[in-house]
N, C-alpha and C. Protein backbone atom coordinates (compact mmCIF):
# COMPACT_ATOMS: atom_id res chain seq x y z
N MET A 1 6.09 25.04 11.96
CA MET A 1 5.27 24.04 11.31
C MET A 1 5.65 24.01 9.83
N SER A 2 5.84 22.81 9.31
CA SER A 2 6.25 22.68 7.91
C SER A 2 5.03 22.77 6.99
N ASP A 3 5.31 22.89 5.70
CA ASP A 3 4.22 22.96 4.72
C ASP A 3 3.40 21.67 4.69
N ALA A 4 4.06 20.53 4.91
CA ALA A 4 3.36 19.25 4.88
C ALA A 4 2.35 19.15 6.03
N GLU A 5 2.71 19.70 7.19
CA GLU A 5 1.79 19.65 8.33
C GLU A 5 0.60 20.57 8.11
N ARG A 6 0.81 21.70 7.45
CA ARG A 6 -0.29 22.63 7.19
C ARG A 6 -1.21 22.13 6.08
N ALA A 7 -0.72 21.29 5.21
CA ALA A 7 -1.50 20.81 4.06
C ALA A 7 -2.56 19.78 4.48
N VAL A 8 -2.33 19.06 5.58
CA VAL A 8 -3.25 18.02 6.02
C VAL A 8 -4.26 18.64 6.98
N PRO A 9 -5.52 18.76 6.56
CA PRO A 9 -6.53 19.33 7.47
C PRO A 9 -6.90 18.32 8.56
N ASP A 10 -7.28 18.83 9.71
CA ASP A 10 -7.71 17.95 10.79
C ASP A 10 -9.05 17.35 10.43
N ARG A 11 -9.17 16.05 10.64
CA ARG A 11 -10.45 15.38 10.36
C ARG A 11 -11.36 15.56 11.55
N ILE A 12 -12.60 15.93 11.28
CA ILE A 12 -13.60 16.08 12.34
C ILE A 12 -14.13 14.69 12.66
N PRO A 13 -14.13 14.32 13.94
CA PRO A 13 -14.62 12.98 14.30
C PRO A 13 -16.08 12.79 13.90
N PHE A 14 -16.45 11.55 13.63
CA PHE A 14 -17.79 11.22 13.16
C PHE A 14 -18.87 11.66 14.15
N MET A 15 -18.67 11.38 15.44
CA MET A 15 -19.69 11.73 16.42
C MET A 15 -19.88 13.24 16.52
N GLN A 16 -18.80 14.01 16.35
CA GLN A 16 -18.94 15.47 16.39
C GLN A 16 -19.74 15.96 15.19
N ARG A 17 -19.48 15.38 14.02
CA ARG A 17 -20.25 15.76 12.83
C ARG A 17 -21.72 15.39 13.01
N LEU A 18 -21.97 14.23 13.63
CA LEU A 18 -23.34 13.79 13.86
C LEU A 18 -24.07 14.71 14.83
N LEU A 19 -23.41 15.04 15.94
CA LEU A 19 -24.06 15.85 16.96
C LEU A 19 -24.12 17.33 16.60
N ASP A 20 -23.38 17.77 15.60
CA ASP A 20 -23.44 19.15 15.15
C ASP A 20 -24.54 19.39 14.13
N ASN A 21 -25.23 18.36 13.70
CA ASN A 21 -26.28 18.50 12.69
C ASN A 21 -27.65 18.53 13.37
N PRO A 22 -28.26 19.72 13.53
CA PRO A 22 -29.53 19.80 14.27
C PRO A 22 -30.68 19.09 13.56
N PHE A 23 -30.69 19.09 12.23
CA PHE A 23 -31.79 18.43 11.53
C PHE A 23 -31.72 16.91 11.68
N LEU A 24 -30.52 16.37 11.69
CA LEU A 24 -30.37 14.93 11.92
C LEU A 24 -30.78 14.58 13.34
N LEU A 25 -30.42 15.41 14.30
CA LEU A 25 -30.83 15.16 15.68
C LEU A 25 -32.35 15.24 15.82
N LEU A 26 -32.98 16.20 15.13
CA LEU A 26 -34.43 16.31 15.14
C LEU A 26 -35.06 15.06 14.55
N PHE A 27 -34.54 14.60 13.42
CA PHE A 27 -35.06 13.39 12.78
C PHE A 27 -34.93 12.19 13.70
N ILE A 28 -33.77 12.02 14.32
CA ILE A 28 -33.57 10.89 15.22
C ILE A 28 -34.48 11.01 16.44
N GLY A 29 -34.64 12.24 16.96
CA GLY A 29 -35.47 12.45 18.14
C GLY A 29 -36.94 12.20 17.89
N VAL A 30 -37.39 12.31 16.66
CA VAL A 30 -38.79 12.03 16.33
C VAL A 30 -38.96 10.57 15.93
N THR A 31 -38.01 10.04 15.19
CA THR A 31 -38.14 8.69 14.64
C THR A 31 -37.98 7.59 15.70
N VAL A 32 -37.00 7.71 16.56
CA VAL A 32 -36.74 6.65 17.54
C VAL A 32 -37.93 6.44 18.48
N PRO A 33 -38.49 7.50 19.10
CA PRO A 33 -39.67 7.24 19.94
C PRO A 33 -40.87 6.71 19.15
N THR A 34 -41.04 7.18 17.93
CA THR A 34 -42.16 6.69 17.11
C THR A 34 -42.02 5.19 16.85
N VAL A 35 -40.85 4.75 16.50
CA VAL A 35 -40.62 3.33 16.24
C VAL A 35 -40.85 2.51 17.52
N PHE A 36 -40.36 3.02 18.65
CA PHE A 36 -40.55 2.28 19.91
C PHE A 36 -42.02 2.20 20.29
N TYR A 37 -42.78 3.30 20.12
CA TYR A 37 -44.20 3.26 20.45
C TYR A 37 -44.96 2.33 19.52
N ILE A 38 -44.60 2.29 18.25
CA ILE A 38 -45.25 1.37 17.32
C ILE A 38 -44.96 -0.07 17.71
N LEU A 39 -43.71 -0.37 18.01
CA LEU A 39 -43.36 -1.73 18.45
C LEU A 39 -44.07 -2.10 19.75
N TRP A 40 -44.13 -1.16 20.67
CA TRP A 40 -44.82 -1.39 21.94
C TRP A 40 -46.31 -1.67 21.69
N GLY A 41 -46.92 -0.91 20.80
CA GLY A 41 -48.33 -1.13 20.47
C GLY A 41 -48.56 -2.48 19.83
N VAL A 42 -47.68 -2.88 18.93
CA VAL A 42 -47.82 -4.19 18.28
C VAL A 42 -47.66 -5.30 19.32
N MET A 43 -46.71 -5.14 20.24
CA MET A 43 -46.54 -6.15 21.29
C MET A 43 -47.79 -6.24 22.17
N GLU A 44 -48.38 -5.08 22.49
CA GLU A 44 -49.59 -5.09 23.31
C GLU A 44 -50.75 -5.75 22.55
N LEU A 45 -50.87 -5.48 21.28
CA LEU A 45 -51.95 -6.09 20.49
C LEU A 45 -51.81 -7.60 20.41
N THR A 46 -50.58 -8.09 20.34
CA THR A 46 -50.39 -9.55 20.28
C THR A 46 -50.71 -10.22 21.60
N GLN A 47 -50.76 -9.47 22.70
CA GLN A 47 -51.04 -10.04 24.01
C GLN A 47 -52.54 -10.12 24.31
N ILE A 48 -53.38 -9.49 23.49
CA ILE A 48 -54.82 -9.53 23.71
C ILE A 48 -55.33 -10.92 23.33
N PRO A 49 -56.06 -11.56 24.23
CA PRO A 49 -56.58 -12.89 23.90
C PRO A 49 -57.64 -12.81 22.80
N ILE A 50 -57.69 -13.84 21.99
CA ILE A 50 -58.65 -13.91 20.89
C ILE A 50 -60.02 -14.28 21.44
N ALA A 51 -61.06 -13.53 21.04
CA ALA A 51 -62.41 -13.80 21.52
C ALA A 51 -62.95 -15.08 20.90
N LYS A 52 -63.78 -15.78 21.67
CA LYS A 52 -64.36 -17.03 21.18
C LYS A 52 -65.81 -16.87 20.84
């Protein structure tokens, strides 16, 4: 292996960097369901008929 080949470090793929970060996974795992439940609740509230 030449010096030029050793000088260039291997780039870690984006998805591997993403999946190797436990705090980011925790944040995504809490945020995504929360957003979906909020949207689901808002959709349910809009379906309630208005009282007369």
